[in-house]
Amino acid sequence: MVIDDCAPYPSSHEYAMTSMYRTIRWAARCRELKREGRHCSVLFQGSLYEDLRRKNIEELIDIGFDDMQWVVSASGTKEICTG
């Protein structure tokens, strides 16, 4: 699992974007360093901002991972769906 920079809720668009791009950089490094036989998974991010979520999904799909997960955060609750 790629370690992500989890932005607090609520976050401004700018803060969430900075957090998202930091996670994308970490994800790219983790993918490059992945050892043979190891599983590499990542969480989609973007807070509650649709434009950031879409951008994050596009970037992470381009990097390529064995598994991707979606984290939904609303009203202080979180759900993780594997897909």
PDB file of N, CA and C in Angstrom:
ATOM      1  N   MET A   1       0.840  -1.173   0.000  1.00  0.00           N
ATOM      2  CA  MET A   1       0.000   0.000   0.000  1.00  0.00           C
ATOM      3  C   MET A   1       0.884   1.235   0.000  1.00  0.00           C
ATOM      4  N   VAL A   2       0.629   2.109  -0.932  1.00  0.00           N
ATOM      5  CA  VAL A   2       1.337   3.375  -0.992  1.00  0.00           C
ATOM      6  C   VAL A   2       0.867   4.245   0.172  1.00  0.00           C
ATOM      7  N   ILE A   3       1.785   4.847   0.891  1.00  0.00           N
ATOM      8  CA  ILE A   3       1.421   5.757   1.962  1.00  0.00           C
ATOM      9  C   ILE A   3       0.898   7.041   1.332  1.00  0.00           C
ATOM     10  N   ASP A   4      -0.240   7.523   1.841  1.00  0.00           N
ATOM     11  CA  ASP A   4      -0.808   8.738   1.278  1.00  0.00           C
ATOM     12  C   ASP A   4      -0.753   9.871   2.286  1.00  0.00           C
ATOM     13  N   ASP A   5      -0.807  11.082   1.758  1.00  0.00           N
ATOM     14  CA  ASP A   5      -0.876  12.280   2.575  1.00  0.00           C
ATOM     15  C   ASP A   5      -2.364  12.581   2.748  1.00  0.00           C
ATOM     16  N   CYS A   6      -2.907  12.189   3.860  1.00  0.00           N
ATOM     17  CA  CYS A   6      -4.345  12.300   4.100  1.00  0.00           C
ATOM     18  C   CYS A   6      -4.687  13.711   4.584  1.00  0.00           C
ATOM     19  N   ALA A   7      -5.349  14.470   3.727  1.00  0.00           N
ATOM     20  CA  ALA A   7      -5.753  15.833   4.075  1.00  0.00           C
ATOM     21  C   ALA A   7      -6.867  15.792   5.118  1.00  0.00           C
ATOM     22  N   PRO A   8      -6.846  16.691   6.082  1.00  0.00           N
ATOM     23  CA  PRO A   8      -7.914  16.715   7.085  1.00  0.00           C
ATOM     24  C   PRO A   8      -9.245  17.133   6.463  1.00  0.00           C
ATOM     25  N   TYR A   9     -10.322  16.786   7.133  1.00  0.00           N
ATOM     26  CA  TYR A   9     -11.649  17.202   6.678  1.00  0.00           C
ATOM     27  C   TYR A   9     -12.181  18.240   7.651  1.00  0.00           C
ATOM     28  N   PRO A  10     -12.620  19.367   7.165  1.00  0.00           N
ATOM     29  CA  PRO A  10     -12.599  19.822   5.768  1.00  0.00           C
ATOM     30  C   PRO A  10     -11.250  20.433   5.422  1.00  0.00           C
ATOM     31  N   SER A  11     -10.934  20.456   4.147  1.00  0.00           N
ATOM     32  CA  SER A  11      -9.708  21.085   3.636  1.00  0.00           C
ATOM     33  C   SER A  11     -10.079  22.010   2.497  1.00  0.00           C
ATOM     34  N   SER A  12      -9.289  23.050   2.331  1.00  0.00           N
ATOM     35  CA  SER A  12      -9.493  23.932   1.183  1.00  0.00           C
ATOM     36  C   SER A  12      -9.086  23.183  -0.084  1.00  0.00           C
ATOM     37  N   HIS A  13      -9.548  23.658  -1.209  1.00  0.00           N
ATOM     38  CA  HIS A  13      -9.205  23.054  -2.494  1.00  0.00           C
ATOM     39  C   HIS A  13      -7.685  23.056  -2.670  1.00  0.00           C
ATOM     40  N   GLU A  14      -7.041  24.156  -2.344  1.00  0.00           N
ATOM     41  CA  GLU A  14      -5.583  24.272  -2.498  1.00  0.00           C
ATOM     42  C   GLU A  14      -4.855  23.257  -1.621  1.00  0.00           C
ATOM     43  N   TYR A  15      -5.288  23.119  -0.373  1.00  0.00           N
ATOM     44  CA  TYR A  15      -4.647  22.172   0.535  1.00  0.00           C
ATOM     45  C   TYR A  15      -4.829  20.746   0.027  1.00  0.00           C
ATOM     46  N   ALA A  16      -6.062  20.415  -0.383  1.00  0.00           N
ATOM     47  CA  ALA A  16      -6.347  19.071  -0.889  1.00  0.00           C
ATOM     48  C   ALA A  16      -5.535  18.774  -2.154  1.00  0.00           C
ATOM     49  N   MET A  17      -5.358  19.777  -3.013  1.00  0.00           N
ATOM     50  CA  MET A  17      -4.593  19.590  -4.240  1.00  0.00           C
ATOM     51  C   MET A  17      -3.115  19.337  -3.918  1.00  0.00           C
ATOM     52  N   THR A  18      -2.556  20.095  -2.998  1.00  0.00           N
ATOM     53  CA  THR A  18      -1.160  19.902  -2.593  1.00  0.00           C
ATOM     54  C   THR A  18      -0.974  18.496  -2.016  1.00  0.00           C
ATOM     55  N   SER A  19      -1.886  18.081  -1.181  1.00  0.00           N
ATOM     56  CA  SER A  19      -1.843  16.744  -0.583  1.00  0.00           C
ATOM     57  C   SER A  19      -1.937  15.658  -1.657  1.00  0.00           C
ATOM     58  N   MET A  20      -2.839  15.856  -2.614  1.00  0.00           N
ATOM     59  CA  MET A  20      -3.027  14.887  -3.691  1.00  0.00           C
ATOM     60  C   MET A  20      -1.759  14.734  -4.527  1.00  0.00           C
ATOM     61  N   TYR A  21      -1.152  15.849  -4.922  1.00  0.00           N
ATOM     62  CA  TYR A  21       0.065  15.770  -5.742  1.00  0.00           C
ATOM     63  C   TYR A  21       1.239  15.167  -4.971  1.00  0.00           C
ATOM     64  N   ARG A  22       1.300  15.402  -3.671  1.00  0.00           N
ATOM     65  CA  ARG A  22       2.349  14.781  -2.853  1.00  0.00           C
ATOM     66  C   ARG A  22       2.167  13.261  -2.889  1.00  0.00           C
ATOM     67  N   THR A  23       0.943  12.800  -2.731  1.00  0.00           N
ATOM     68  CA  THR A  23       0.665  11.368  -2.772  1.00  0.00           C
ATOM     69  C   THR A  23       0.979  10.775  -4.141  1.00  0.00           C
ATOM     70  N   ILE A  24       0.674  11.509  -5.219  1.00  0.00           N
ATOM     71  CA  ILE A  24       0.985  11.028  -6.569  1.00  0.00           C
ATOM     72  C   ILE A  24       2.496  10.855  -6.733  1.00  0.00           C
ATOM     73  N   ARG A  25       3.276  11.806  -6.222  1.00  0.00           N
ATOM     74  CA  ARG A  25       4.740  11.670  -6.299  1.00  0.00           C
ATOM     75  C   ARG A  25       5.211  10.450  -5.516  1.00  0.00           C
ATOM     76  N   TRP A  26       4.673  10.248  -4.311  1.00  0.00           N
ATOM     77  CA  TRP A  26       5.031   9.080  -3.511  1.00  0.00           C
ATOM     78  C   TRP A  26       4.631   7.800  -4.230  1.00  0.00           C
ATOM     79  N   ALA A  27       3.445   7.806  -4.829  1.00  0.00           N
ATOM     80  CA  ALA A  27       2.956   6.614  -5.530  1.00  0.00           C
ATOM     81  C   ALA A  27       3.869   6.250  -6.696  1.00  0.00           C
ATOM     82  N   ALA A  28       4.296   7.250  -7.443  1.00  0.00           N
ATOM     83  CA  ALA A  28       5.187   6.994  -8.579  1.00  0.00           C
ATOM     84  C   ALA A  28       6.510   6.388  -8.096  1.00  0.00           C
ATOM     85  N   ARG A  29       7.048   6.912  -6.996  1.00  0.00           N
ATOM     86  CA  ARG A  29       8.298   6.370  -6.457  1.00  0.00           C
ATOM     87  C   ARG A  29       8.113   4.939  -5.969  1.00  0.00           C
ATOM     88  N   CYS A  30       7.003   4.679  -5.285  1.00  0.00           N
ATOM     89  CA  CYS A  30       6.731   3.319  -4.795  1.00  0.00           C
ATOM     90  C   CYS A  30       6.607   2.341  -5.956  1.00  0.00           C
ATOM     91  N   ARG A  31       5.941   2.751  -7.008  1.00  0.00           N
ATOM     92  CA  ARG A  31       5.754   1.877  -8.175  1.00  0.00           C
ATOM     93  C   ARG A  31       7.096   1.568  -8.831  1.00  0.00           C
ATOM     94  N   GLU A  32       7.961   2.567  -8.915  1.00  0.00           N
ATOM     95  CA  GLU A  32       9.281   2.363  -9.512  1.00  0.00           C
ATOM     96  C   GLU A  32      10.124   1.391  -8.683  1.00  0.00           C
ATOM     97  N   LEU A  33       9.953   1.419  -7.380  1.00  0.00           N
ATOM     98  CA  LEU A  33      10.769   0.600  -6.486  1.00  0.00           C
ATOM     99  C   LEU A  33      10.129  -0.740  -6.153  1.00  0.00           C
ATOM    100  N   LYS A  34       8.973  -1.043  -6.731  1.00  0.00           N
ATOM    101  CA  LYS A  34       8.268  -2.283  -6.429  1.00  0.00           C
ATOM    102  C   LYS A  34       9.153  -3.487  -6.750  1.00  0.00           C
ATOM    103  N   ARG A  35       9.237  -4.378  -5.796  1.00  0.00           N
ATOM    104  CA  ARG A  35      10.024  -5.601  -5.977  1.00  0.00           C
ATOM    105  C   ARG A  35       9.177  -6.681  -6.618  1.00  0.00           C
ATOM    106  N   GLU A  36       9.834  -7.515  -7.404  1.00  0.00           N
ATOM    107  CA  GLU A  36       9.140  -8.620  -8.060  1.00  0.00           C
ATOM    108  C   GLU A  36       8.468  -9.505  -7.015  1.00  0.00           C
ATOM    109  N   GLY A  37       7.233  -9.888  -7.297  1.00  0.00           N
ATOM    110  CA  GLY A  37       6.491 -10.730  -6.388  1.00  0.00           C
ATOM    111  C   GLY A  37       5.760  -9.980  -5.287  1.00  0.00           C
ATOM    112  N   ARG A  38       5.937  -8.675  -5.214  1.00  0.00           N
ATOM    113  CA  ARG A  38       5.269  -7.857  -4.200  1.00  0.00           C
ATOM    114  C   ARG A  38       4.034  -7.205  -4.796  1.00  0.00           C
ATOM    115  N   HIS A  39       2.992  -7.076  -4.004  1.00  0.00           N
ATOM    116  CA  HIS A  39       1.741  -6.445  -4.406  1.00  0.00           C
ATOM    117  C   HIS A  39       1.823  -4.951  -4.098  1.00  0.00           C
ATOM    118  N   CYS A  40       1.340  -4.119  -4.998  1.00  0.00           N
ATOM    119  CA  CYS A  40       1.384  -2.674  -4.784  1.00  0.00           C
ATOM    120  C   CYS A  40      -0.022  -2.098  -4.971  1.00  0.00           C
ATOM    121  N   SER A  41      -0.552  -1.486  -3.930  1.00  0.00           N
ATOM    122  CA  SER A  41      -1.905  -0.945  -3.927  1.00  0.00           C
ATOM    123  C   SER A  41      -1.867   0.547  -3.605  1.00  0.00           C
ATOM    124  N   VAL A  42      -2.903   1.269  -4.042  1.00  0.00           N
ATOM    125  CA  VAL A  42      -2.935   2.714  -3.836  1.00  0.00           C
ATOM    126  C   VAL A  42      -4.366   3.162  -3.552  1.00  0.00           C
ATOM    127  N   LEU A  43      -4.506   4.277  -2.836  1.00  0.00           N
ATOM    128  CA  LEU A  43      -5.812   4.879  -2.555  1.00  0.00           C
ATOM    129  C   LEU A  43      -6.022   6.089  -3.458  1.00  0.00           C
ATOM    130  N   PHE A  44      -7.218   6.202  -4.008  1.00  0.00           N
ATOM    131  CA  PHE A  44      -7.568   7.420  -4.747  1.00  0.00           C
ATOM    132  C   PHE A  44      -7.833   8.532  -3.741  1.00  0.00           C
ATOM    133  N   GLN A  45      -7.481   9.756  -4.111  1.00  0.00           N
ATOM    134  CA  GLN A  45      -7.674  10.900  -3.228  1.00  0.00           C
ATOM    135  C   GLN A  45      -8.336  12.052  -3.968  1.00  0.00           C
ATOM    136  N   GLY A  46      -8.489  13.159  -3.273  1.00  0.00           N
ATOM    137  CA  GLY A  46      -9.055  14.361  -3.861  1.00  0.00           C
ATOM    138  C   GLY A  46     -10.053  15.056  -2.960  1.00  0.00           C
ATOM    139  N   SER A  47     -10.187  14.536  -1.735  1.00  0.00           N
ATOM    140  CA  SER A  47     -11.115  15.117  -0.775  1.00  0.00           C
ATOM    141  C   SER A  47     -12.524  15.130  -1.361  1.00  0.00           C
ATOM    142  N   LEU A  48     -13.255  16.178  -1.149  1.00  0.00           N
ATOM    143  CA  LEU A  48     -14.625  16.267  -1.662  1.00  0.00           C
ATOM    144  C   LEU A  48     -14.702  16.999  -2.996  1.00  0.00           C
ATOM    145  N   TYR A  49     -13.560  17.244  -3.607  1.00  0.00           N
ATOM    146  CA  TYR A  49     -13.514  18.032  -4.845  1.00  0.00           C
ATOM    147  C   TYR A  49     -13.467  17.101  -6.054  1.00  0.00           C
ATOM    148  N   GLU A  50     -14.521  17.133  -6.852  1.00  0.00           N
ATOM    149  CA  GLU A  50     -14.635  16.222  -7.990  1.00  0.00           C
ATOM    150  C   GLU A  50     -13.486  16.383  -8.975  1.00  0.00           C
ATOM    151  N   ASP A  51     -13.067  17.623  -9.248  1.00  0.00           N
ATOM    152  CA  ASP A  51     -11.973  17.829 -10.205  1.00  0.00           C
ATOM    153  C   ASP A  51     -10.685  17.184  -9.716  1.00  0.00           C
ATOM    154  N   LEU A  52     -10.425  17.240  -8.411  1.00  0.00           N
ATOM    155  CA  LEU A  52      -9.215  16.616  -7.861  1.00  0.00           C
ATOM    156  C   LEU A  52      -9.327  15.096  -7.867  1.00  0.00           C
ATOM    157  N   ARG A  53     -10.502  14.575  -7.558  1.00  0.00           N
ATOM    158  CA  ARG A  53     -10.679  13.120  -7.592  1.00  0.00           C
ATOM    159  C   ARG A  53     -10.461  12.578  -9.001  1.00  0.00           C
ATOM    160  N   ARG A  54     -11.018  13.267  -9.993  1.00  0.00           N
ATOM    161  CA  ARG A  54     -10.837  12.829 -11.388  1.00  0.00           C
ATOM    162  C   ARG A  54      -9.364  12.879 -11.795  1.00  0.00           C
ATOM    163  N   LYS A  55      -8.694  13.964 -11.450  1.00  0.00           N
ATOM    164  CA  LYS A  55      -7.271  14.109 -11.780  1.00  0.00           C
ATOM    165  C   LYS A  55      -6.450  13.026 -11.097  1.00  0.00           C
ATOM    166  N   ASN A  56      -6.754  12.761  -9.826  1.00  0.00           N
ATOM    167  CA  ASN A  56      -6.029  11.748  -9.078  1.00  0.00           C
ATOM    168  C   ASN A  56      -6.203  10.372  -9.699  1.00  0.00           C
ATOM    169  N   ILE A  57      -7.412  10.025 -10.078  1.00  0.00           N
ATOM    170  CA  ILE A  57      -7.671   8.735 -10.716  1.00  0.00           C
ATOM    171  C   ILE A  57      -6.888   8.611 -12.017  1.00  0.00           C
ATOM    172  N   GLU A  58      -6.928   9.646 -12.847  1.00  0.00           N
ATOM    173  CA  GLU A  58      -6.200   9.630 -14.130  1.00  0.00           C
ATOM    174  C   GLU A  58      -4.705   9.417 -13.911  1.00  0.00           C
ATOM    175  N   GLU A  59      -4.131  10.171 -12.987  1.00  0.00           N
ATOM    176  CA  GLU A  59      -2.688  10.086 -12.718  1.00  0.00           C
ATOM    177  C   GLU A  59      -2.293   8.700 -12.201  1.00  0.00           C
ATOM    178  N   LEU A  60      -3.069   8.162 -11.262  1.00  0.00           N
ATOM    179  CA  LEU A  60      -2.718   6.872 -10.667  1.00  0.00           C
ATOM    180  C   LEU A  60      -2.934   5.715 -11.637  1.00  0.00           C
ATOM    181  N   ILE A  61      -3.948   5.808 -12.475  1.00  0.00           N
ATOM    182  CA  ILE A  61      -4.139   4.770 -13.494  1.00  0.00           C
ATOM    183  C   ILE A  61      -2.961   4.767 -14.449  1.00  0.00           C
ATOM    184  N   ASP A  62      -2.486   5.953 -14.823  1.00  0.00           N
ATOM    185  CA  ASP A  62      -1.325   6.048 -15.723  1.00  0.00           C
ATOM    186  C   ASP A  62      -0.074   5.430 -15.107  1.00  0.00           C
ATOM    187  N   ILE A  63       0.101   5.579 -13.792  1.00  0.00           N
ATOM    188  CA  ILE A  63       1.261   4.988 -13.120  1.00  0.00           C
ATOM    189  C   ILE A  63       1.138   3.467 -13.132  1.00  0.00           C
ATOM    190  N   GLY A  64      -0.048   2.950 -12.853  1.00  0.00           N
ATOM    191  CA  GLY A  64      -0.305   1.505 -12.891  1.00  0.00           C
ATOM    192  C   GLY A  64      -0.034   0.828 -11.564  1.00  0.00           C
ATOM    193  N   PHE A  65      -1.057   0.182 -11.032  1.00  0.00           N
ATOM    194  CA  PHE A  65      -0.934  -0.530  -9.761  1.00  0.00           C
ATOM    195  C   PHE A  65      -1.660  -1.857  -9.849  1.00  0.00           C
ATOM    196  N   ASP A  66      -1.333  -2.766  -8.931  1.00  0.00           N
ATOM    197  CA  ASP A  66      -1.983  -4.069  -8.864  1.00  0.00           C
ATOM    198  C   ASP A  66      -3.417  -3.943  -8.358  1.00  0.00           C
ATOM    199  N   ASP A  67      -3.660  -2.967  -7.503  1.00  0.00           N
ATOM    200  CA  ASP A  67      -4.967  -2.784  -6.885  1.00  0.00           C
ATOM    201  C   ASP A  67      -5.148  -1.310  -6.584  1.00  0.00           C
ATOM    202  N   MET A  68      -6.356  -0.816  -6.769  1.00  0.00           N
ATOM    203  CA  MET A  68      -6.665   0.573  -6.450  1.00  0.00           C
ATOM    204  C   MET A  68      -7.900   0.600  -5.573  1.00  0.00           C
ATOM    205  N   GLN A  69      -7.927   1.515  -4.606  1.00  0.00           N
ATOM    206  CA  GLN A  69      -9.035   1.598  -3.669  1.00  0.00           C
ATOM    207  C   GLN A  69      -9.564   3.012  -3.624  1.00  0.00           C
ATOM    208  N   TRP A  70     -10.845   3.108  -3.388  1.00  0.00           N
ATOM    209  CA  TRP A  70     -11.519   4.392  -3.319  1.00  0.00           C
ATOM    210  C   TRP A  70     -11.882   4.666  -1.876  1.00  0.00           C
ATOM    211  N   VAL A  71     -11.554   5.818  -1.367  1.00  0.00           N
ATOM    212  CA  VAL A  71     -11.921   6.197  -0.009  1.00  0.00           C
ATOM    213  C   VAL A  71     -12.977   7.282  -0.105  1.00  0.00           C
ATOM    214  N   VAL A  72     -14.113   7.035   0.494  1.00  0.00           N
ATOM    215  CA  VAL A  72     -15.202   8.005   0.498  1.00  0.00           C
ATOM    216  C   VAL A  72     -15.281   8.592   1.894  1.00  0.00           C
ATOM    217  N   SER A  73     -15.173   9.905   1.988  1.00  0.00           N
ATOM    218  CA  SER A  73     -15.250  10.551   3.284  1.00  0.00           C
ATOM    219  C   SER A  73     -16.393  11.559   3.259  1.00  0.00           C
ATOM    220  N   ALA A  74     -17.391  11.289   4.037  1.00  0.00           N
ATOM    221  CA  ALA A  74     -18.529  12.198   4.136  1.00  0.00           C
ATOM    222  C   ALA A  74     -19.054  12.146   5.567  1.00  0.00           C
ATOM    223  N   SER A  75     -19.336  13.289   6.116  1.00  0.00           N
ATOM    224  CA  SER A  75     -19.873  13.377   7.476  1.00  0.00           C
ATOM    225  C   SER A  75     -18.975  12.691   8.505  1.00  0.00           C
ATOM    226  N   GLY A  76     -17.672  12.714   8.238  1.00  0.00           N
ATOM    227  CA  GLY A  76     -16.728  12.146   9.190  1.00  0.00           C
ATOM    228  C   GLY A  76     -16.580  10.637   9.127  1.00  0.00           C
ATOM    229  N   THR A  77     -17.250   9.961   8.184  1.00  0.00           N
ATOM    230  CA  THR A  77     -17.120   8.511   8.070  1.00  0.00           C
ATOM    231  C   THR A  77     -16.274   8.161   6.851  1.00  0.00           C
ATOM    232  N   LYS A  78     -15.681   7.009   6.889  1.00  0.00           N
ATOM    233  CA  LYS A  78     -14.854   6.555   5.758  1.00  0.00           C
ATOM    234  C   LYS A  78     -15.240   5.138   5.396  1.00  0.00           C
ATOM    235  N   GLU A  79     -15.289   4.884   4.119  1.00  0.00           N
ATOM    236  CA  GLU A  79     -15.502   3.530   3.609  1.00  0.00           C
ATOM    237  C   GLU A  79     -14.425   3.258   2.584  1.00  0.00           C
ATOM    238  N   ILE A  80     -13.937   2.044   2.549  1.00  0.00           N
ATOM    239  CA  ILE A  80     -12.927   1.671   1.563  1.00  0.00           C
ATOM    240  C   ILE A  80     -13.507   0.578   0.678  1.00  0.00           C
ATOM    241  N   CYS A  81     -13.468   0.812  -0.613  1.00  0.00           N
ATOM    242  CA  CYS A  81     -13.968  -0.151  -1.585  1.00  0.00           C
ATOM    243  C   CYS A  81     -12.813  -0.565  -2.470  1.00  0.00           C
ATOM    244  N   THR A  82     -12.597  -1.849  -2.607  1.00  0.00           N
ATOM    245  CA  THR A  82     -11.547  -2.341  -3.484  1.00  0.00           C
ATOM    246  C   THR A  82     -12.108  -2.502  -4.878  1.00  0.00           C
ATOM    247  N   GLY A  83     -11.323  -2.056  -5.868  1.00  0.00           N
ATOM    248  CA  GLY A  83     -11.803  -2.169  -7.237  1.00  0.00           C
ATOM    249  C   GLY A  83     -10.691  -2.189  -8.231  1.00  0.00           C
TER     250      GLY A  83
END
